[in-house]
Protein backbone atom coordinates (compact mmCIF):
# COMPACT_ATOMS: atom_id res chain seq x y z
CA MET A 1 21.17 5.59 -5.73
CA ASN A 2 19.12 6.11 -2.59
CA SER A 3 17.22 2.81 -2.52
CA LEU A 4 14.69 2.66 0.30
CA ALA A 5 13.96 -1.01 -0.41
CA HIS A 6 16.53 -3.42 -1.81
CA PRO A 7 17.15 -7.08 -0.88
CA GLN A 8 20.90 -6.51 -0.61
CA LEU A 9 20.53 -3.58 1.80
CA ARG A 10 19.33 -4.80 5.18
CA PHE A 11 18.39 -2.71 8.15
CA THR A 12 18.56 -4.28 11.63
CA PRO A 13 16.62 -2.58 14.44
CA THR A 14 17.69 -2.77 18.05
CA VAL A 15 15.40 -5.17 19.92
CA LYS A 16 15.38 -6.41 23.49
CA ASP A 17 15.50 -10.12 22.66
CA PRO A 18 16.63 -10.84 19.09
CA SER A 19 16.55 -14.58 19.80
CA GLY A 20 12.83 -14.69 20.65
CA PRO A 21 9.77 -14.31 18.40
CA ARG A 22 9.87 -11.22 16.24
CA GLU A 23 7.68 -8.58 17.89
CA LEU A 24 5.28 -6.77 15.58
CA VAL A 25 2.92 -3.82 15.62
CA ILE A 26 0.08 -4.11 13.09
CA LEU A 27 -1.64 -0.92 12.00
CA GLY A 28 -4.99 -1.39 10.26
CA SER A 29 -5.54 -4.82 11.77
CA THR A 30 -9.21 -5.17 10.82
CA GLY A 31 -8.65 -4.42 7.12
CA SER A 32 -7.73 -6.83 4.36
CA ILE A 33 -3.95 -6.59 4.87
CA GLY A 34 -4.23 -6.67 8.65
CA THR A 35 -6.47 -9.73 8.84
CA GLN A 36 -4.24 -11.66 6.44
CA ALA A 37 -1.15 -10.64 8.40
CA ILE A 38 -2.75 -11.97 11.57
CA ASP A 39 -3.48 -15.23 9.75
CA VAL A 40 0.25 -15.50 8.93
CA VAL A 41 1.16 -14.78 12.56
CA LEU A 42 -1.27 -17.32 14.00
CA ARG A 43 0.11 -20.02 11.72
CA ASN A 44 3.65 -19.22 12.88
CA PRO A 45 3.31 -18.70 16.66
CA GLY A 46 6.95 -19.42 17.46
CA ARG A 47 8.19 -16.93 14.91
CA PHE A 48 6.06 -13.81 15.45
CA ARG A 49 4.43 -12.06 18.39
CA VAL A 50 2.06 -9.13 17.95
CA VAL A 51 2.38 -6.57 20.74
CA ALA A 52 -0.08 -3.91 19.55
CA LEU A 53 -2.92 -3.38 17.08
CA SER A 54 -4.62 -0.33 15.61
CA ALA A 55 -7.82 0.13 13.61
CA ALA A 56 -10.16 2.92 12.62
CA GLY A 57 -12.86 1.82 15.07
CA GLY A 58 -15.63 0.63 12.81
CA ARG A 59 -15.19 -3.09 13.57
CA VAL A 60 -14.62 -3.17 17.32
CA ALA A 61 -15.84 -6.76 17.77
CA LEU A 62 -13.21 -8.06 15.34
CA LEU A 63 -10.52 -5.83 16.85
CA ALA A 64 -11.33 -7.09 20.35
CA GLU A 65 -11.23 -10.70 19.19
CA GLN A 66 -7.85 -10.13 17.52
CA ALA A 67 -6.41 -8.37 20.56
CA VAL A 68 -7.43 -11.08 23.02
CA ARG A 69 -6.42 -13.96 20.78
CA LEU A 70 -2.97 -12.45 20.16
CA GLY A 71 -2.49 -11.27 23.74
CA VAL A 72 -1.45 -7.74 22.77
CA HIS A 73 -0.67 -5.16 25.41
CA THR A 74 -2.01 -2.11 23.53
CA VAL A 75 -4.92 -1.42 21.18
CA ALA A 76 -5.52 1.86 19.36
CA ILE A 77 -8.59 3.21 17.56
CA ALA A 78 -8.85 6.43 15.60
CA ASP A 79 -12.49 7.07 16.55
CA PRO A 80 -12.78 8.07 20.24
CA ALA A 81 -16.55 7.50 20.13
CA ALA A 82 -15.91 3.78 19.59
CA GLU A 83 -13.97 3.36 22.85
CA PRO A 84 -16.94 2.28 25.05
CA ALA A 85 -17.97 -0.36 22.53
CA LEU A 86 -14.37 -1.57 22.27
CA ARG A 87 -14.03 -1.85 26.05
CA GLU A 88 -17.25 -3.84 26.21
CA ALA A 89 -16.13 -6.13 23.37
CA LEU A 90 -12.73 -6.66 24.99
CA ALA A 91 -14.32 -7.52 28.33
CA GLY A 92 -16.59 -10.03 26.62
CA CYS A 93 -13.65 -11.73 24.89
CA ALA A 94 -11.16 -11.55 27.75
CA ALA A 95 -13.17 -13.68 30.19
CA GLY A 96 -11.66 -12.03 33.25
CA ARG A 97 -8.13 -11.66 31.91
CA PRO A 98 -6.44 -8.22 32.08
CA LEU A 99 -7.50 -5.89 29.27
CA PRO A 100 -4.96 -4.23 26.98
CA THR A 101 -4.29 -0.51 27.22
CA ILE A 102 -6.55 1.46 24.86
CA LEU A 103 -5.37 4.53 22.97
CA THR A 104 -7.86 6.67 21.05
CA GLY A 105 -7.83 9.56 18.64
CA PRO A 106 -6.26 10.47 15.29
CA ASP A 107 -2.72 10.19 16.68
CA ALA A 108 -3.18 6.79 18.34
CA ALA A 109 -1.75 4.78 15.44
CA THR A 110 1.23 7.13 15.26
CA GLU A 111 1.92 6.49 18.95
CA LEU A 112 1.75 2.73 18.36
CA ALA A 113 4.23 3.00 15.48
CA SER A 114 6.87 4.22 17.94
CA LEU A 115 6.47 1.33 20.40
CA GLU A 116 9.32 -1.05 21.18
CA CYS A 117 9.22 -3.80 18.54
CA HIS A 118 11.12 -5.20 15.58
CA SER A 119 8.74 -4.34 12.72
CA VAL A 120 5.71 -2.15 12.12
CA LEU A 121 3.26 -3.31 9.45
CA ASN A 122 1.44 -0.24 8.14
CA GLY A 123 -1.75 -1.64 6.63
CA ILE A 124 -3.76 1.57 7.02
CA THR A 125 -5.64 2.70 3.92
CA GLY A 126 -5.08 6.24 2.69
CA SER A 127 -2.71 9.10 3.36
CA ILE A 128 -3.63 9.13 7.05
CA GLY A 129 -0.91 6.48 7.23
CA LEU A 130 1.80 9.11 6.64
CA ARG A 131 2.39 10.11 10.26
CA PRO A 132 2.60 6.46 11.45
CA THR A 133 5.04 5.70 8.62
CA LEU A 134 7.27 8.58 9.67
CA ALA A 135 7.00 7.62 13.35
CA ALA A 136 8.07 4.02 12.66
CA LEU A 137 11.06 5.16 10.64
CA ARG A 138 12.03 7.76 13.21
CA ALA A 139 11.85 5.13 15.98
CA GLY A 140 14.20 2.85 14.04
CA ARG A 141 11.72 0.07 13.26
CA VAL A 142 11.64 -2.03 10.13
CA LEU A 143 8.68 -0.63 8.18
CA VAL A 144 6.65 -3.33 6.44
CA LEU A 145 4.81 -1.03 4.07
CA ALA A 146 1.38 -1.80 2.65
CA ASN A 147 0.23 1.82 2.93
CA LYS A 148 1.53 3.05 -0.43
CA GLU A 149 -0.19 6.41 -0.02
CA SER A 150 2.11 7.49 2.81
CA LEU A 151 5.16 7.00 0.60
CA ILE A 152 3.54 8.62 -2.42
CA VAL A 153 2.23 11.77 -0.71
CA GLY A 154 5.20 12.15 1.62
CA GLY A 155 7.98 10.87 -0.61
CA PRO A 156 10.71 13.41 0.32
CA LEU A 157 9.82 13.13 4.02
CA VAL A 158 10.03 9.34 3.95
CA ARG A 159 13.25 9.33 1.94
CA ALA A 160 14.86 11.75 4.39
CA LEU A 161 14.15 9.46 7.35
CA ALA A 162 14.49 5.93 5.97
CA LYS A 163 17.80 4.15 6.29
CA PRO A 164 18.89 1.88 3.42
CA GLY A 165 16.84 -1.32 3.56
CA GLN A 166 14.59 -0.06 6.38
CA ILE A 167 11.45 -0.42 4.25
CA VAL A 168 10.18 -3.79 3.05
CA PRO A 169 7.26 -3.38 0.60
CA VAL A 170 4.08 -5.46 0.76
CA ASP A 171 2.33 -4.56 -2.51
CA SER A 172 2.47 -7.70 -4.63
CA GLU A 173 4.12 -5.75 -7.46
CA HIS A 174 6.80 -4.24 -5.28
CA THR A 175 7.60 -7.38 -3.36
CA ALA A 176 8.07 -9.01 -6.78
CA ILE A 177 10.52 -6.30 -7.84
CA PHE A 178 12.19 -6.54 -4.43
CA GLN A 179 12.82 -10.25 -4.96
CA ALA A 180 13.87 -9.94 -8.61
CA LEU A 181 16.42 -7.26 -7.75
CA ALA A 182 18.36 -9.91 -5.82
CA GLY A 183 19.38 -11.32 -9.21
CA GLY A 184 21.80 -8.52 -10.08
CA THR A 185 23.56 -5.36 -8.98
CA ARG A 186 21.95 -1.93 -9.04
CA ALA A 187 24.15 -0.88 -11.95
CA GLU A 188 22.84 -3.81 -14.00
CA VAL A 189 19.16 -2.84 -13.70
CA ARG A 190 17.81 -1.51 -17.01
CA LYS A 191 14.08 -1.41 -16.37
CA LEU A 192 11.35 -2.21 -13.86
CA VAL A 193 8.27 -3.83 -15.40
CA VAL A 194 5.15 -3.46 -13.25
CA THR A 195 2.31 -5.81 -14.15
CA ALA A 196 -1.37 -4.86 -14.06
CA SER A 197 -4.34 -7.21 -14.20
CA GLY A 198 -6.13 -4.69 -16.40
CA GLY A 199 -9.10 -4.75 -14.04
CA PRO A 200 -12.61 -5.68 -15.16
CA PHE A 201 -12.51 -3.48 -18.28
CA ARG A 202 -9.40 -4.69 -20.08
CA GLY A 203 -9.84 -4.32 -23.84
CA ARG A 204 -12.62 -1.73 -23.67
CA SER A 205 -12.28 1.58 -25.46
CA ARG A 206 -12.75 4.92 -23.73
CA GLU A 207 -16.16 5.23 -25.37
CA GLN A 208 -17.21 1.84 -23.98
CA LEU A 209 -16.11 2.89 -20.49
CA ALA A 210 -18.46 5.88 -20.38
CA ALA A 211 -21.48 3.83 -19.21
CA VAL A 212 -19.65 1.77 -16.56
CA THR A 213 -21.55 1.50 -13.25
CA PRO A 214 -20.14 1.14 -9.72
CA ASP A 215 -21.27 -2.50 -9.62
CA ASP A 216 -19.38 -3.14 -12.86
CA ALA A 217 -16.24 -1.50 -11.52
CA LEU A 218 -16.36 -3.33 -8.18
CA ALA A 219 -16.30 -6.74 -9.89
CA HIS A 220 -12.53 -7.26 -10.03
CA PRO A 221 -11.63 -10.45 -11.90
CA THR A 222 -8.66 -11.46 -9.72
CA TRP A 223 -8.31 -9.73 -6.35
CA ALA A 224 -10.73 -9.26 -3.44
CA MET A 225 -10.08 -5.75 -2.12
CA GLY A 226 -11.82 -2.79 -0.51
CA PRO A 227 -14.03 -0.54 -2.68
CA VAL A 228 -11.56 2.34 -3.13
CA ILE A 229 -8.66 0.09 -4.16
CA THR A 230 -10.97 -1.92 -6.42
CA ILE A 231 -12.13 1.21 -8.25
CA ASN A 232 -8.51 2.39 -8.44
CA SER A 233 -7.66 -0.91 -10.07
CA ALA A 234 -10.48 -0.47 -12.59
CA THR A 235 -9.29 3.04 -13.55
CA LEU A 236 -5.62 1.97 -13.26
CA VAL A 237 -5.03 4.84 -10.83
CA ASN A 238 -3.71 2.15 -8.51
CA LYS A 239 -1.11 1.23 -11.12
CA GLY A 240 -0.17 4.87 -11.49
CA LEU A 241 0.36 5.08 -7.73
CA GLU A 242 2.52 1.96 -7.92
CA VAL A 243 4.70 3.55 -10.62
CA ILE A 244 5.34 6.50 -8.30
CA GLU A 245 5.96 4.07 -5.44
CA ALA A 246 8.45 2.07 -7.52
CA HIS A 247 10.35 5.24 -8.37
CA LEU A 248 10.56 6.23 -4.71
CA LEU A 249 11.39 2.76 -3.36
CA TYR A 250 14.03 1.80 -5.89
CA ASP A 251 15.26 5.18 -7.15
CA VAL A 252 14.70 4.21 -10.79
CA PRO A 253 13.75 7.05 -13.20
CA PHE A 254 10.18 7.15 -14.47
CA ASP A 255 11.25 6.54 -18.06
CA ARG A 256 12.67 3.17 -16.95
CA ILE A 257 9.48 1.98 -15.25
CA GLU A 258 7.07 0.24 -17.62
CA VAL A 259 3.52 -1.07 -17.08
CA VAL A 260 2.32 -4.21 -18.86
CA VAL A 261 -1.13 -5.80 -18.62
CA HIS A 262 -1.11 -9.40 -17.36
CA PRO A 263 -4.70 -10.62 -16.76
CA GLN A 264 -3.78 -13.80 -14.87
CA SER A 265 -2.03 -11.86 -12.05
CA VAL A 266 0.49 -14.67 -11.56
CA VAL A 267 3.61 -12.77 -12.62
CA HIS A 268 3.54 -9.92 -10.14
CA SER A 269 6.28 -7.79 -11.71
CA MET A 270 9.67 -8.11 -13.40
CA VAL A 271 13.14 -6.60 -13.56
CA GLU A 272 14.97 -6.31 -16.86
CA PHE A 273 18.77 -6.29 -16.64
CA SER A 274 21.37 -4.73 -18.92
CA ASP A 275 22.27 -8.02 -20.63
CA GLY A 276 18.69 -8.46 -21.87
CA SER A 277 17.58 -11.00 -19.26
CA THR A 278 14.35 -10.47 -17.33
CA LEU A 279 13.66 -11.94 -13.88
CA ALA A 280 10.01 -12.38 -12.90
CA GLN A 281 8.41 -13.35 -9.60
CA ALA A 282 5.39 -15.63 -9.98
CA SER A 283 2.85 -17.02 -7.53
CA PRO A 284 -0.93 -17.42 -7.41
CA PRO A 285 -2.68 -14.17 -6.38
CA ASP A 286 -2.61 -14.40 -2.57
CA MET A 287 -1.50 -11.45 -0.44
CA ARG A 288 -0.31 -13.70 2.37
CA MET A 289 2.88 -14.38 0.46
CA PRO A 290 4.09 -10.76 0.21
CA ILE A 291 2.86 -10.06 3.74
CA ALA A 292 4.79 -13.03 5.11
CA LEU A 293 7.90 -12.01 3.21
CA GLY A 294 7.66 -8.52 4.67
CA LEU A 295 7.17 -9.78 8.23
CA GLY A 296 9.92 -12.38 8.03
CA TRP A 297 12.54 -10.71 5.84
CA PRO A 298 15.37 -11.57 5.21
CA ASP A 299 14.04 -15.10 5.83
CA ARG A 300 11.03 -16.60 4.08
CA VAL A 301 8.05 -18.04 5.91
CA PRO A 302 7.47 -21.66 4.78
CA ASP A 303 4.06 -22.39 3.23
CA ALA A 304 2.93 -18.79 3.58
CA ALA A 305 0.66 -19.23 0.55
CA PRO A 306 0.04 -21.83 -2.16
CA ALA A 307 2.63 -22.12 -4.94
CA CYS A 308 2.00 -22.45 -8.68
CA ASP A 309 0.85 -25.93 -9.67
CA TRP A 310 3.22 -26.89 -12.48
CA THR A 311 1.39 -30.17 -13.13
CA LYS A 312 -1.48 -28.24 -14.74
CA ALA A 313 -1.43 -26.47 -18.09
CA ALA A 314 -1.55 -22.70 -17.86
CA THR A 315 -1.26 -19.72 -20.19
CA TRP A 316 0.15 -16.36 -19.18
CA GLU A 317 -0.71 -13.37 -21.36
CA PHE A 318 0.91 -9.95 -21.58
CA PHE A 319 -0.51 -6.90 -23.38
CA PRO A 320 0.64 -3.30 -23.79
CA LEU A 321 -1.26 -0.73 -21.74
CA ASP A 322 -3.91 1.29 -23.60
CA ASN A 323 -3.06 4.79 -22.38
CA GLU A 324 -5.93 6.39 -24.30
CA ALA A 325 -8.59 4.33 -22.52
CA PHE A 326 -6.70 4.36 -19.22
CA PRO A 327 -4.77 7.66 -18.92
CA ALA A 328 -4.14 7.36 -15.18
CA VAL A 329 -0.66 5.86 -15.46
CA GLU A 330 0.68 8.63 -17.70
CA LEU A 331 -0.91 11.22 -15.42
CA ALA A 332 0.80 9.59 -12.44
CA ARG A 333 4.17 9.79 -14.22
CA GLU A 334 3.64 13.53 -14.73
CA VAL A 335 2.63 13.95 -11.10
CA GLY A 336 5.61 11.95 -9.85
CA THR A 337 7.95 14.03 -11.99
CA LEU A 338 6.47 17.25 -10.61
CA GLY A 339 7.05 16.04 -7.05
CA GLY A 340 6.41 18.27 -4.06
CA THR A 341 2.75 18.18 -3.07
CA ALA A 342 1.56 17.14 -6.55
CA PRO A 343 1.33 13.41 -5.62
CA ALA A 344 -0.71 14.33 -2.53
CA VAL A 345 -3.08 16.36 -4.72
CA PHE A 346 -3.37 13.48 -7.20
CA ASN A 347 -4.17 10.95 -4.47
CA ALA A 348 -6.60 13.11 -2.49
CA ALA A 349 -8.50 14.28 -5.57
CA ASN A 350 -8.82 10.70 -6.74
CA GLU A 351 -10.27 9.54 -3.41
CA GLU A 352 -12.95 12.24 -3.64
CA CYS A 353 -13.72 11.38 -7.26
CA VAL A 354 -13.99 7.67 -6.46
CA ASP A 355 -16.46 8.53 -3.69
CA ALA A 356 -18.49 10.66 -6.11
CA PHE A 357 -18.51 7.81 -8.66
CA LEU A 358 -19.66 5.27 -6.06
CA GLN A 359 -22.49 7.63 -5.11
CA GLY A 360 -23.53 8.04 -8.74
CA ARG A 361 -22.46 11.68 -9.00
CA LEU A 362 -19.58 11.21 -11.42
CA ALA A 363 -19.09 9.10 -14.53
CA PHE A 364 -16.37 6.43 -14.55
CA THR A 365 -14.26 8.16 -17.19
CA ALA A 366 -14.67 11.47 -15.38
CA ILE A 367 -12.72 10.16 -12.36
CA VAL A 368 -9.30 10.54 -13.94
CA ASP A 369 -10.37 13.53 -16.05
CA THR A 370 -11.37 15.40 -12.90
CA VAL A 371 -8.18 14.41 -11.09
CA ALA A 372 -6.18 15.74 -14.04
CA LYS A 373 -8.00 19.09 -13.81
CA VAL A 374 -7.24 19.37 -10.09
CA VAL A 375 -3.58 18.51 -10.66
CA ALA A 376 -3.35 21.12 -13.46
CA GLU A 377 -4.88 23.80 -11.23
CA HIS A 378 -2.47 22.92 -8.45
CA GLY A 379 0.43 23.82 -10.70
CA THR A 380 4.14 23.11 -10.49
CA PRO A 381 5.84 23.28 -7.08
CA ALA A 382 8.67 25.78 -6.72
CA PRO A 383 12.05 24.08 -7.28
CA GLY A 384 14.01 23.36 -4.14
CA THR A 385 10.99 23.88 -1.89
CA SER A 386 11.21 21.71 1.22
CA LEU A 387 8.17 19.64 2.12
CA THR A 388 6.49 19.33 5.53
CA VAL A 389 3.63 17.17 6.77
CA GLU A 390 1.57 20.35 7.10
CA ASP A 391 2.23 21.14 3.43
CA VAL A 392 0.97 17.70 2.46
CA LEU A 393 -2.16 17.98 4.59
CA HIS A 394 -2.95 21.49 3.32
CA ALA A 395 -2.54 20.36 -0.31
CA GLU A 396 -4.81 17.39 0.34
CA ASP A 397 -7.49 19.56 1.90
CA TRP A 398 -7.41 21.91 -1.08
CA ALA A 399 -7.48 19.02 -3.57
CA ARG A 400 -10.42 17.34 -1.86
CA ALA A 401 -12.44 20.55 -1.78
CA ARG A 402 -11.66 21.35 -5.42
CA ALA A 403 -12.46 17.80 -6.57
CA ARG A 404 -15.82 17.95 -4.78
CA GLU A 405 -16.60 21.24 -6.51
CA LEU A 406 -15.74 19.85 -9.95
CA ALA A 407 -17.64 16.61 -9.30
CA ALA A 408 -20.72 18.61 -8.32
CA GLY A 409 -20.65 20.26 -11.73
């Protein structure tokens, strides 16, 4: 099996000073994953050192504050128009100290991903993280992967570059599987069980979902996330993406990856072994734990996040997934099985449909229905066809345009 992420397969990059703090590049530093990663770093100053940061450019004041506080040597922003504001913010924070080098443009994060360091945390949102993911792998860095889209849309490209154990996942579900896999050999793995909170609409029928509003869908009961990921959690598209991701990371067939609804979000996922035993990873819902594990692997970071309080009574519930009300997971299985550019079409069409829903132009249940139509029109890729980044980008452009047409009615 070609396992990209497995606790028993460890990749060691070449670094200048392996005895010093582990040098990191953080991509998407002003987002949810990035800010929590920086919190982990600041609480462990002798263990980690951030050498470079990237962000889209919409929160330059925060980016400047991060850069100066961490003492990075390079900062990158995707939006060139934000450079003057970033320079001004950096000058205001630096108080006369030398300013970091600034890179701008759509390729700036990709350039950062190739810098000399131990690990690159890709916390960028969306498939724009694909080129940085490939650059980090090509440069021989450990890839701490929170940007699931880059793996999903560029699966064959990532698999061709990644060495065994070079990727350490950050999704709470996949870090749970990663840890549980340490309990047995690959041959003993029978099934991966991915847990889902069920989102804010667990238990509702498809008919009851028809009148859901954006405010309803943005009220996630467990996790605090950005709007796109929150809507994806409500439709369970996010869980479908995670099923594809699990297949690619662990090389387990789709028919051996199961989704179960677990509203408490304490058991993050499980691995069932051939003797009938199941190993689960449990912790309160806090992304600092999987982030810290990714940054520090193969060693754990003490007190990265609170542990379960076993002195208090608690109930954990598990329910089968209602595929009729939430068809996104089954659609994702079909897309993952198709391969080629189909996952890129699925992801891009969904992003457009989520945007249309948030703007009131598309009904909640029409999100996945419209994505399914776009995927069906895209068709089946020719067998044996090699994939390029340009293929992925072209398929995404087509899917976005077609989704917008269908959403417009």
